[in-house]
Amino acid sequence: TTVGWYRQVLGMERELVARITSSGRTEYADSVKGRFTIS
């Protein structure tokens, strides 16, 4: 599976924070790149 983290602020849309595929490929929101690490 692909697993990941999203976040939501009240009144706003849920947004992708980071996700990781079955092969280990990662994707991050621009706002968290360099600060967050998904594993």
Full PDB file with SEQRES, HELIX, SHEET, SSBOND, CRYST1, ORIGX, SCALE, CONECT and MASTER records, all heavy atoms in Angstrom:
SEQRES   1 A   39  THR THR VAL GLY TRP TYR ARG GLN VAL LEU GLY MET GLU          
SEQRES   2 A   39  ARG GLU LEU VAL ALA ARG ILE THR SER SER GLY ARG THR          
SEQRES   3 A   39  GLU TYR ALA ASP SER VAL LYS GLY ARG PHE THR ILE SER          
HELIX    1 AA1 ASP A   30  VAL A   32  5                                   3    
SHEET    1 AA1 3 VAL A   3  ARG A   7  0                                        
SHEET    2 AA1 3 GLU A  15  ILE A  20 -1                                        
SHEET    3 AA1 3 THR A  26  TYR A  28 -1                                        
CRYST1    1.000    1.000    1.000  90.00  90.00  90.00 P 1           1          
ORIGX1      1.000000  0.000000  0.000000        0.00000                         
ORIGX2      0.000000  1.000000  0.000000        0.00000                         
ORIGX3      0.000000  0.000000  1.000000        0.00000                         
SCALE1      1.000000  0.000000  0.000000        0.00000                         
SCALE2      0.000000  1.000000  0.000000        0.00000                         
SCALE3      0.000000  0.000000  1.000000        0.00000                         
ATOM      1  N   THR A   1       0.816  -1.218   0.000  1.00  0.00           N  
ATOM      2  CA  THR A   1       0.000   0.000   0.000  1.00  0.00           C  
ATOM      3  C   THR A   1       0.847   1.265   0.000  1.00  0.00           C  
ATOM      4  O   THR A   1       2.009   1.271   0.391  1.00  0.00           O  
ATOM      5  CB  THR A   1      -0.909   0.042   1.229  1.00  0.00           C  
ATOM      6  OG1 THR A   1      -0.104   0.128   2.416  1.00  0.00           O  
ATOM      7  CG2 THR A   1      -1.786  -1.206   1.304  1.00  0.00           C  
ATOM      8  N   THR A   2       0.210   2.348  -0.425  1.00  0.00           N  
ATOM      9  CA  THR A   2       0.747   3.689  -0.219  1.00  0.00           C  
ATOM     10  C   THR A   2       0.122   4.238   1.054  1.00  0.00           C  
ATOM     11  O   THR A   2      -1.095   4.162   1.238  1.00  0.00           O  
ATOM     12  CB  THR A   2       0.413   4.610  -1.400  1.00  0.00           C  
ATOM     13  OG1 THR A   2       1.131   4.162  -2.558  1.00  0.00           O  
ATOM     14  CG2 THR A   2       0.804   6.047  -1.101  1.00  0.00           C  
ATOM     15  N   VAL A   3       0.946   4.739   1.945  1.00  0.00           N  
ATOM     16  CA  VAL A   3       0.466   5.297   3.205  1.00  0.00           C  
ATOM     17  C   VAL A   3       0.990   6.712   3.358  1.00  0.00           C  
ATOM     18  O   VAL A   3       2.039   7.064   2.799  1.00  0.00           O  
ATOM     19  CB  VAL A   3       0.879   4.441   4.415  1.00  0.00           C  
ATOM     20  CG1 VAL A   3       0.089   3.146   4.458  1.00  0.00           C  
ATOM     21  CG2 VAL A   3       2.375   4.142   4.388  1.00  0.00           C  
ATOM     22  N   GLY A   4       0.258   7.495   4.112  1.00  0.00           N  
ATOM     23  CA  GLY A   4       0.682   8.880   4.241  1.00  0.00           C  
ATOM     24  C   GLY A   4      -0.023   9.613   5.360  1.00  0.00           C  
ATOM     25  O   GLY A   4      -0.789   9.022   6.127  1.00  0.00           O  
ATOM     26  N   TRP A   5       0.295  10.887   5.442  1.00  0.00           N  
ATOM     27  CA  TRP A   5      -0.265  11.781   6.442  1.00  0.00           C  
ATOM     28  C   TRP A   5      -0.871  13.002   5.755  1.00  0.00           C  
ATOM     29  O   TRP A   5      -0.261  13.577   4.848  1.00  0.00           O  
ATOM     30  CB  TRP A   5       0.820  12.232   7.414  1.00  0.00           C  
ATOM     31  CG  TRP A   5       1.331  11.137   8.276  1.00  0.00           C  
ATOM     32  CD1 TRP A   5       2.387  10.314   8.034  1.00  0.00           C  
ATOM     33  CD2 TRP A   5       0.787  10.731   9.535  1.00  0.00           C  
ATOM     34  NE1 TRP A   5       2.541   9.416   9.062  1.00  0.00           N  
ATOM     35  CE2 TRP A   5       1.565   9.652  10.001  1.00  0.00           C  
ATOM     36  CE3 TRP A   5      -0.275  11.171  10.333  1.00  0.00           C  
ATOM     37  CZ2 TRP A   5       1.315   9.018  11.215  1.00  0.00           C  
ATOM     38  CZ3 TRP A   5      -0.520  10.533  11.533  1.00  0.00           C  
ATOM     39  CH2 TRP A   5       0.275   9.477  11.955  1.00  0.00           C  
ATOM     40  N   TYR A   6      -2.055  13.343   6.214  1.00  0.00           N  
ATOM     41  CA  TYR A   6      -2.727  14.556   5.786  1.00  0.00           C  
ATOM     42  C   TYR A   6      -2.992  15.395   7.032  1.00  0.00           C  
ATOM     43  O   TYR A   6      -2.951  14.888   8.145  1.00  0.00           O  
ATOM     44  CB  TYR A   6      -4.053  14.226   5.098  1.00  0.00           C  
ATOM     45  CG  TYR A   6      -3.907  13.608   3.729  1.00  0.00           C  
ATOM     46  CD1 TYR A   6      -3.377  12.330   3.571  1.00  0.00           C  
ATOM     47  CD2 TYR A   6      -4.290  14.305   2.588  1.00  0.00           C  
ATOM     48  CE1 TYR A   6      -3.243  11.771   2.302  1.00  0.00           C  
ATOM     49  CE2 TYR A   6      -4.170  13.753   1.317  1.00  0.00           C  
ATOM     50  CZ  TYR A   6      -3.647  12.484   1.195  1.00  0.00           C  
ATOM     51  OH  TYR A   6      -3.513  11.936  -0.062  1.00  0.00           O  
ATOM     52  N   ARG A   7      -3.302  16.648   6.831  1.00  0.00           N  
ATOM     53  CA  ARG A   7      -3.670  17.496   7.963  1.00  0.00           C  
ATOM     54  C   ARG A   7      -4.813  18.415   7.576  1.00  0.00           C  
ATOM     55  O   ARG A   7      -5.005  18.734   6.392  1.00  0.00           O  
ATOM     56  CB  ARG A   7      -2.471  18.285   8.469  1.00  0.00           C  
ATOM     57  CG  ARG A   7      -1.927  19.326   7.514  1.00  0.00           C  
ATOM     58  CD  ARG A   7      -0.639  19.933   8.060  1.00  0.00           C  
ATOM     59  NE  ARG A   7      -0.074  20.956   7.189  1.00  0.00           N  
ATOM     60  CZ  ARG A   7       1.119  21.518   7.365  1.00  0.00           C  
ATOM     61  NH1 ARG A   7       1.893  21.158   8.401  1.00  0.00           N  
ATOM     62  NH2 ARG A   7       1.558  22.442   6.525  1.00  0.00           N  
ATOM     63  N   GLN A   8      -5.524  18.831   8.595  1.00  0.00           N  
ATOM     64  CA  GLN A   8      -6.687  19.666   8.358  1.00  0.00           C  
ATOM     65  C   GLN A   8      -6.846  20.662   9.492  1.00  0.00           C  
ATOM     66  O   GLN A   8      -6.771  20.302  10.665  1.00  0.00           O  
ATOM     67  CB  GLN A   8      -7.952  18.810   8.228  1.00  0.00           C  
ATOM     68  CG  GLN A   8      -9.182  19.572   7.800  1.00  0.00           C  
ATOM     69  CD  GLN A   8     -10.332  18.638   7.478  1.00  0.00           C  
ATOM     70  OE1 GLN A   8     -10.406  17.508   7.959  1.00  0.00           O  
ATOM     71  NE2 GLN A   8     -11.255  19.100   6.643  1.00  0.00           N  
ATOM     72  N   VAL A   9      -7.102  21.895   9.102  1.00  0.00           N  
ATOM     73  CA  VAL A   9      -7.437  22.950  10.043  1.00  0.00           C  
ATOM     74  C   VAL A   9      -8.935  23.192   9.921  1.00  0.00           C  
ATOM     75  O   VAL A   9      -9.483  23.145   8.815  1.00  0.00           O  
ATOM     76  CB  VAL A   9      -6.650  24.235   9.730  1.00  0.00           C  
ATOM     77  CG1 VAL A   9      -7.091  25.371  10.635  1.00  0.00           C  
ATOM     78  CG2 VAL A   9      -5.157  24.000   9.852  1.00  0.00           C  
ATOM     79  N   LEU A  10      -9.579  23.447  11.022  1.00  0.00           N  
ATOM     80  CA  LEU A  10     -11.027  23.644  11.026  1.00  0.00           C  
ATOM     81  C   LEU A  10     -11.425  24.686   9.985  1.00  0.00           C  
ATOM     82  O   LEU A  10     -10.880  25.792   9.955  1.00  0.00           O  
ATOM     83  CB  LEU A  10     -11.482  24.083  12.419  1.00  0.00           C  
ATOM     84  CG  LEU A  10     -12.988  24.062  12.676  1.00  0.00           C  
ATOM     85  CD1 LEU A  10     -13.506  22.637  12.566  1.00  0.00           C  
ATOM     86  CD2 LEU A  10     -13.298  24.646  14.046  1.00  0.00           C  
ATOM     87  N   GLY A  11     -12.358  24.298   9.107  1.00  0.00           N  
ATOM     88  CA  GLY A  11     -12.834  25.209   8.081  1.00  0.00           C  
ATOM     89  C   GLY A  11     -12.046  25.175   6.802  1.00  0.00           C  
ATOM     90  O   GLY A  11     -12.403  25.850   5.830  1.00  0.00           O  
ATOM     91  N   MET A  12     -10.968  24.389   6.794  1.00  0.00           N  
ATOM     92  CA  MET A  12     -10.121  24.293   5.607  1.00  0.00           C  
ATOM     93  C   MET A  12     -10.184  22.868   5.051  1.00  0.00           C  
ATOM     94  O   MET A  12     -10.627  21.944   5.717  1.00  0.00           O  
ATOM     95  CB  MET A  12      -8.676  24.652   5.958  1.00  0.00           C  
ATOM     96  CG  MET A  12      -8.505  26.001   6.603  1.00  0.00           C  
ATOM     97  SD  MET A  12      -8.791  27.357   5.459  1.00  0.00           S  
ATOM     98  CE  MET A  12      -7.288  27.274   4.508  1.00  0.00           C  
ATOM     99  N   GLU A  13      -9.715  22.725   3.821  1.00  0.00           N  
ATOM    100  CA  GLU A  13      -9.677  21.394   3.223  1.00  0.00           C  
ATOM    101  C   GLU A  13      -8.519  20.582   3.796  1.00  0.00           C  
ATOM    102  O   GLU A  13      -7.501  21.140   4.199  1.00  0.00           O  
ATOM    103  CB  GLU A  13      -9.525  21.512   1.698  1.00  0.00           C  
ATOM    104  CG  GLU A  13     -10.763  22.036   0.999  1.00  0.00           C  
ATOM    105  CD  GLU A  13     -10.656  21.926  -0.506  1.00  0.00           C  
ATOM    106  OE1 GLU A  13      -9.632  21.416  -0.993  1.00  0.00           O  
ATOM    107  OE2 GLU A  13     -11.599  22.349  -1.187  1.00  0.00           O  
ATOM    108  N   ARG A  14      -8.710  19.282   3.808  1.00  0.00           N  
ATOM    109  CA  ARG A  14      -7.634  18.395   4.222  1.00  0.00           C  
ATOM    110  C   ARG A  14      -6.553  18.422   3.146  1.00  0.00           C  
ATOM    111  O   ARG A  14      -6.847  18.342   1.953  1.00  0.00           O  
ATOM    112  CB  ARG A  14      -8.177  16.986   4.424  1.00  0.00           C  
ATOM    113  CG  ARG A  14      -7.246  16.042   5.131  1.00  0.00           C  
ATOM    114  CD  ARG A  14      -7.960  14.747   5.488  1.00  0.00           C  
ATOM    115  NE  ARG A  14      -9.061  14.961   6.440  1.00  0.00           N  
ATOM    116  CZ  ARG A  14      -9.737  13.960   7.013  1.00  0.00           C  
ATOM    117  NH1 ARG A  14      -9.439  12.702   6.715  1.00  0.00           N  
ATOM    118  NH2 ARG A  14     -10.711  14.210   7.851  1.00  0.00           N  
ATOM    119  N   GLU A  15      -5.298  18.491   3.572  1.00  0.00           N  
ATOM    120  CA  GLU A  15      -4.205  18.585   2.617  1.00  0.00           C  
ATOM    121  C   GLU A  15      -3.154  17.517   2.876  1.00  0.00           C  
ATOM    122  O   GLU A  15      -2.924  17.107   4.016  1.00  0.00           O  
ATOM    123  CB  GLU A  15      -3.545  19.967   2.682  1.00  0.00           C  
ATOM    124  CG  GLU A  15      -2.884  20.296   4.003  1.00  0.00           C  
ATOM    125  CD  GLU A  15      -2.123  21.604   3.990  1.00  0.00           C  
ATOM    126  OE1 GLU A  15      -2.179  22.334   2.983  1.00  0.00           O  
ATOM    127  OE2 GLU A  15      -1.439  21.899   4.994  1.00  0.00           O  
ATOM    128  N   LEU A  16      -2.515  17.108   1.802  1.00  0.00           N  
ATOM    129  CA  LEU A  16      -1.438  16.126   1.910  1.00  0.00           C  
ATOM    130  C   LEU A  16      -0.234  16.755   2.598  1.00  0.00           C  
ATOM    131  O   LEU A  16       0.184  17.860   2.251  1.00  0.00           O  
ATOM    132  CB  LEU A  16      -1.037  15.643   0.518  1.00  0.00           C  
ATOM    133  CG  LEU A  16       0.187  14.743   0.466  1.00  0.00           C  
ATOM    134  CD1 LEU A  16      -0.119  13.387   1.086  1.00  0.00           C  
ATOM    135  CD2 LEU A  16       0.670  14.577  -0.975  1.00  0.00           C  
ATOM    136  N   VAL A  17       0.312  16.005   3.538  1.00  0.00           N  
ATOM    137  CA  VAL A  17       1.570  16.401   4.175  1.00  0.00           C  
ATOM    138  C   VAL A  17       2.719  15.605   3.574  1.00  0.00           C  
ATOM    139  O   VAL A  17       3.709  16.163   3.102  1.00  0.00           O  
ATOM    140  CB  VAL A  17       1.520  16.178   5.697  1.00  0.00           C  
ATOM    141  CG1 VAL A  17       2.866  16.518   6.336  1.00  0.00           C  
ATOM    142  CG2 VAL A  17       0.402  16.995   6.328  1.00  0.00           C  
ATOM    143  N   ALA A  18       2.570  14.287   3.584  1.00  0.00           N  
ATOM    144  CA  ALA A  18       3.605  13.416   3.044  1.00  0.00           C  
ATOM    145  C   ALA A  18       3.005  12.038   2.816  1.00  0.00           C  
ATOM    146  O   ALA A  18       2.066  11.645   3.506  1.00  0.00           O  
ATOM    147  CB  ALA A  18       4.792  13.304   3.995  1.00  0.00           C  
ATOM    148  N   ARG A  19       3.562  11.317   1.848  1.00  0.00           N  
ATOM    149  CA  ARG A  19       3.154   9.945   1.638  1.00  0.00           C  
ATOM    150  C   ARG A  19       4.331   9.149   1.116  1.00  0.00           C  
ATOM    151  O   ARG A  19       5.292   9.704   0.587  1.00  0.00           O  
ATOM    152  CB  ARG A  19       1.961   9.826   0.703  1.00  0.00           C  
ATOM    153  CG  ARG A  19       2.147  10.382  -0.676  1.00  0.00           C  
ATOM    154  CD  ARG A  19       0.825  10.343  -1.429  1.00  0.00           C  
ATOM    155  NE  ARG A  19       0.864  11.125  -2.662  1.00  0.00           N  
ATOM    156  CZ  ARG A  19      -0.213  11.577  -3.278  1.00  0.00           C  
ATOM    157  NH1 ARG A  19      -1.414  11.337  -2.783  1.00  0.00           N  
ATOM    158  NH2 ARG A  19      -0.109  12.276  -4.392  1.00  0.00           N  
ATOM    159  N   ILE A  20       4.217   7.832   1.264  1.00  0.00           N  
ATOM    160  CA  ILE A  20       5.288   6.937   0.860  1.00  0.00           C  
ATOM    161  C   ILE A  20       4.662   5.723   0.195  1.00  0.00           C  
ATOM    162  O   ILE A  20       3.708   5.134   0.708  1.00  0.00           O  
ATOM    163  CB  ILE A  20       6.174   6.557   2.077  1.00  0.00           C  
ATOM    164  CG1 ILE A  20       7.343   5.685   1.653  1.00  0.00           C  
ATOM    165  CG2 ILE A  20       5.369   5.935   3.207  1.00  0.00           C  
ATOM    166  CD1 ILE A  20       8.414   5.532   2.743  1.00  0.00           C  
ATOM    167  N   THR A  21       5.197   5.365  -0.948  1.00  0.00           N  
ATOM    168  CA  THR A  21       4.657   4.237  -1.695  1.00  0.00           C  
ATOM    169  C   THR A  21       5.231   2.923  -1.198  1.00  0.00           C  
ATOM    170  O   THR A  21       6.135   2.886  -0.359  1.00  0.00           O  
ATOM    171  CB  THR A  21       4.957   4.391  -3.191  1.00  0.00           C  
ATOM    172  OG1 THR A  21       6.383   4.222  -3.392  1.00  0.00           O  
ATOM    173  CG2 THR A  21       4.537   5.750  -3.715  1.00  0.00           C  
ATOM    174  N   SER A  22       4.737   1.834  -1.763  1.00  0.00           N  
ATOM    175  CA  SER A  22       5.223   0.510  -1.385  1.00  0.00           C  
ATOM    176  C   SER A  22       6.704   0.340  -1.733  1.00  0.00           C  
ATOM    177  O   SER A  22       7.414  -0.439  -1.092  1.00  0.00           O  
ATOM    178  CB  SER A  22       4.400  -0.571  -2.071  1.00  0.00           C  
ATOM    179  OG  SER A  22       4.439  -0.399  -3.481  1.00  0.00           O  
ATOM    180  N   SER A  23       7.178   1.076  -2.716  1.00  0.00           N  
ATOM    181  CA  SER A  23       8.581   0.973  -3.123  1.00  0.00           C  
ATOM    182  C   SER A  23       9.475   1.953  -2.371  1.00  0.00           C  
ATOM    183  O   SER A  23      10.683   1.980  -2.593  1.00  0.00           O  
ATOM    184  CB  SER A  23       8.715   1.221  -4.622  1.00  0.00           C  
ATOM    185  OG  SER A  23       8.323   2.544  -4.942  1.00  0.00           O  
ATOM    186  N   GLY A  24       8.853   2.759  -1.506  1.00  0.00           N  
ATOM    187  CA  GLY A  24       9.641   3.703  -0.717  1.00  0.00           C  
ATOM    188  C   GLY A  24       9.755   5.094  -1.304  1.00  0.00           C  
ATOM    189  O   GLY A  24      10.456   5.949  -0.744  1.00  0.00           O  
ATOM    190  N   ARG A  25       9.084   5.335  -2.408  1.00  0.00           N  
ATOM    191  CA  ARG A  25       9.122   6.682  -2.993  1.00  0.00           C  
ATOM    192  C   ARG A  25       8.304   7.620  -2.123  1.00  0.00           C  
ATOM    193  O   ARG A  25       7.202   7.283  -1.714  1.00  0.00           O  
ATOM    194  CB  ARG A  25       8.583   6.673  -4.413  1.00  0.00           C  
ATOM    195  CG  ARG A  25       8.637   8.019  -5.104  1.00  0.00           C  
ATOM    196  CD  ARG A  25       8.242   7.883  -6.568  1.00  0.00           C  
ATOM    197  NE  ARG A  25       6.903   7.351  -6.737  1.00  0.00           N  
ATOM    198  CZ  ARG A  25       5.803   8.095  -6.742  1.00  0.00           C  
ATOM    199  NH1 ARG A  25       5.886   9.396  -6.574  1.00  0.00           N  
ATOM    200  NH2 ARG A  25       4.616   7.529  -6.922  1.00  0.00           N  
ATOM    201  N   THR A  26       8.847   8.780  -1.858  1.00  0.00           N  
ATOM    202  CA  THR A  26       8.186   9.731  -0.971  1.00  0.00           C  
ATOM    203  C   THR A  26       7.756  10.996  -1.709  1.00  0.00           C  
ATOM    204  O   THR A  26       8.347  11.376  -2.722  1.00  0.00           O  
ATOM    205  CB  THR A  26       9.097  10.124   0.197  1.00  0.00           C  
ATOM    206  OG1 THR A  26      10.314  10.685  -0.322  1.00  0.00           O  
ATOM    207  CG2 THR A  26       9.428   8.929   1.069  1.00  0.00           C  
ATOM    208  N   GLU A  27       6.741  11.627  -1.155  1.00  0.00           N  
ATOM    209  CA  GLU A  27       6.250  12.899  -1.687  1.00  0.00           C  
ATOM    210  C   GLU A  27       5.899  13.773  -0.493  1.00  0.00           C  
ATOM    211  O   GLU A  27       5.308  13.293   0.473  1.00  0.00           O  
ATOM    212  CB  GLU A  27       5.005  12.673  -2.552  1.00  0.00           C  
ATOM    213  CG  GLU A  27       4.404  13.943  -3.118  1.00  0.00           C  
ATOM    214  CD  GLU A  27       3.135  13.673  -3.932  1.00  0.00           C  
ATOM    215  OE1 GLU A  27       2.787  12.497  -4.137  1.00  0.00           O  
ATOM    216  OE2 GLU A  27       2.492  14.645  -4.351  1.00  0.00           O  
ATOM    217  N   TYR A  28       6.283  15.047  -0.564  1.00  0.00           N  
ATOM    218  CA  TYR A  28       6.039  15.972   0.530  1.00  0.00           C  
ATOM    219  C   TYR A  28       5.371  17.250   0.028  1.00  0.00           C  
ATOM    220  O   TYR A  28       5.623  17.700  -1.098  1.00  0.00           O  
ATOM    221  CB  TYR A  28       7.361  16.376   1.207  1.00  0.00           C  
ATOM    222  CG  TYR A  28       8.081  15.271   1.912  1.00  0.00           C  
ATOM    223  CD1 TYR A  28       9.066  14.527   1.269  1.00  0.00           C  
ATOM    224  CD2 TYR A  28       7.788  14.959   3.239  1.00  0.00           C  
ATOM    225  CE1 TYR A  28       9.724  13.500   1.909  1.00  0.00           C  
ATOM    226  CE2 TYR A  28       8.452  13.934   3.897  1.00  0.00           C  
ATOM    227  CZ  TYR A  28       9.413  13.214   3.226  1.00  0.00           C  
ATOM    228  OH  TYR A  28      10.071  12.192   3.873  1.00  0.00           O  
ATOM    229  N   ALA A  29       4.564  17.828   0.890  1.00  0.00           N  
ATOM    230  CA  ALA A  29       4.060  19.171   0.617  1.00  0.00           C  
ATOM    231  C   ALA A  29       5.240  20.139   0.652  1.00  0.00           C  
ATOM    232  O   ALA A  29       6.181  19.950   1.435  1.00  0.00           O  
ATOM    233  CB  ALA A  29       3.023  19.572   1.657  1.00  0.00           C  
ATOM    234  N   ASP A  30       5.194  21.159  -0.183  1.00  0.00           N  
ATOM    235  CA  ASP A  30       6.294  22.121  -0.235  1.00  0.00           C  
ATOM    236  C   ASP A  30       6.550  22.750   1.133  1.00  0.00           C  
ATOM    237  O   ASP A  30       7.699  23.033   1.488  1.00  0.00           O  
ATOM    238  CB  ASP A  30       5.993  23.213  -1.254  1.00  0.00           C  
ATOM    239  CG  ASP A  30       6.104  22.726  -2.682  1.00  0.00           C  
ATOM    240  OD1 ASP A  30       6.731  21.660  -2.902  1.00  0.00           O  
ATOM    241  OD2 ASP A  30       5.565  23.391  -3.578  1.00  0.00           O  
ATOM    242  N   SER A  31       5.490  22.943   1.894  1.00  0.00           N  
ATOM    243  CA  SER A  31       5.612  23.652   3.170  1.00  0.00           C  
ATOM    244  C   SER A  31       6.360  22.847   4.233  1.00  0.00           C  
ATOM    245  O   SER A  31       6.780  23.409   5.245  1.00  0.00           O  
ATOM    246  CB  SER A  31       4.220  24.013   3.700  1.00  0.00           C  
ATOM    247  OG  SER A  31       3.446  22.848   3.897  1.00  0.00           O  
ATOM    248  N   VAL A  32       6.547  21.536   4.009  1.00  0.00           N  
ATOM    249  CA  VAL A  32       7.204  20.712   5.034  1.00  0.00           C  
ATOM    250  C   VAL A  32       8.516  20.118   4.542  1.00  0.00           C  
ATOM    251  O   VAL A  32       9.222  19.470   5.325  1.00  0.00           O  
ATOM    252  CB  VAL A  32       6.276  19.587   5.532  1.00  0.00           C  
ATOM    253  CG1 VAL A  32       4.923  20.156   5.974  1.00  0.00           C  
ATOM    254  CG2 VAL A  32       6.095  18.498   4.495  1.00  0.00           C  
ATOM    255  N   LYS A  33       8.851  20.330   3.295  1.00  0.00           N  
ATOM    256  CA  LYS A  33      10.097  19.760   2.757  1.00  0.00           C  
ATOM    257  C   LYS A  33      11.298  20.251   3.556  1.00  0.00           C  
ATOM    258  O   LYS A  33      11.408  21.439   3.860  1.00  0.00           O  
ATOM    259  CB  LYS A  33      10.259  20.146   1.284  1.00  0.00           C  
ATOM    260  CG  LYS A  33       9.377  19.367   0.341  1.00  0.00           C  
ATOM    261  CD  LYS A  33       9.585  19.804  -1.112  1.00  0.00           C  
ATOM    262  CE  LYS A  33       8.678  19.026  -2.033  1.00  0.00           C  
ATOM    263  NZ  LYS A  33       8.788  19.490  -3.445  1.00  0.00           N  
ATOM    264  N   GLY A  34      12.164  19.317   3.882  1.00  0.00           N  
ATOM    265  CA  GLY A  34      13.352  19.657   4.659  1.00  0.00           C  
ATOM    266  C   GLY A  34      13.128  19.662   6.156  1.00  0.00           C  
ATOM    267  O   GLY A  34      14.089  19.750   6.927  1.00  0.00           O  
ATOM    268  N   ARG A  35      11.868  19.586   6.583  1.00  0.00           N  
ATOM    269  CA  ARG A  35      11.558  19.591   8.026  1.00  0.00           C  
ATOM    270  C   ARG A  35      10.911  18.280   8.475  1.00  0.00           C  
ATOM    271  O   ARG A  35      11.133  17.836   9.607  1.00  0.00           O  
ATOM    272  CB  ARG A  35      10.619  20.748   8.357  1.00  0.00           C  
ATOM    273  CG  ARG A  35      11.177  22.115   8.030  1.00  0.00           C  
ATOM    274  CD  ARG A  35      10.261  23.228   8.558  1.00  0.00           C  
ATOM    275  NE  ARG A  35       8.930  23.201   7.954  1.00  0.00           N  
ATOM    276  CZ  ARG A  35       7.799  23.073   8.650  1.00  0.00           C  
ATOM    277  NH1 ARG A  35       7.834  22.969   9.970  1.00  0.00           N  
ATOM    278  NH2 ARG A  35       6.627  23.085   8.028  1.00  0.00           N  
ATOM    279  N   PHE A  36      10.108  17.683   7.615  1.00  0.00           N  
ATOM    280  CA  PHE A  36       9.391  16.452   7.951  1.00  0.00           C  
ATOM    281  C   PHE A  36       9.989  15.280   7.184  1.00  0.00           C  
ATOM    282  O   PHE A  36      10.427  15.434   6.034  1.00  0.00           O  
ATOM    283  CB  PHE A  36       7.924  16.569   7.577  1.00  0.00           C  
ATOM    284  CG  PHE A  36       7.110  17.540   8.407  1.00  0.00           C  
ATOM    285  CD1 PHE A  36       7.712  18.435   9.274  1.00  0.00           C  
ATOM    286  CD2 PHE A  36       5.724  17.539   8.313  1.00  0.00           C  
ATOM    287  CE1 PHE A  36       6.961  19.328  10.035  1.00  0.00           C  
ATOM    288  CE2 PHE A  36       4.950  18.413   9.063  1.00  0.00           C  
ATOM    289  CZ  PHE A  36       5.566  19.314   9.917  1.00  0.00           C  
ATOM    290  N   THR A  37       9.948  14.111   7.808  1.00  0.00           N  
ATOM    291  CA  THR A  37      10.415  12.892   7.160  1.00  0.00           C  
ATOM    292  C   THR A  37       9.414  11.777   7.409  1.00  0.00           C  
ATOM    293  O   THR A  37       9.087  11.481   8.561  1.00  0.00           O  
ATOM    294  CB  THR A  37      11.789  12.465   7.688  1.00  0.00           C  
ATOM    295  OG1 THR A  37      12.738  13.522   7.490  1.00  0.00           O  
ATOM    296  CG2 THR A  37      12.273  11.215   6.961  1.00  0.00           C  
ATOM    297  N   ILE A  38       8.953  11.175   6.334  1.00  0.00           N  
ATOM    298  CA  ILE A  38       8.031  10.052   6.455  1.00  0.00           C  
ATOM    299  C   ILE A  38       8.811   8.756   6.279  1.00  0.00           C  
ATOM    300  O   ILE A  38       9.754   8.687   5.476  1.00  0.00           O  
ATOM    301  CB  ILE A  38       6.879  10.147   5.426  1.00  0.00           C  
ATOM    302  CG1 ILE A  38       5.800   9.110   5.728  1.00  0.00           C  
ATOM    303  CG2 ILE A  38       7.395  10.035   3.993  1.00  0.00           C  
ATOM    304  CD1 ILE A  38       4.518   9.316   4.921  1.00  0.00           C  
ATOM    305  N   SER A  39       8.433   7.735   7.038  1.00  0.00           N  
ATOM    306  CA  SER A  39       9.082   6.433   6.922  1.00  0.00           C  
ATOM    307  C   SER A  39       8.054   5.353   7.208  1.00  0.00           C  
ATOM    308  O   SER A  39       6.999   5.627   7.789  1.00  0.00           O  
ATOM    309  CB  SER A  39      10.257   6.327   7.899  1.00  0.00           C  
ATOM    310  OG  SER A  39       9.813   6.454   9.239  1.00  0.00           O  
TER     311      SER A  39                                                      
MASTER        0    0    0    1    3    0    0    6  310    1    0    3          
END                                                                             
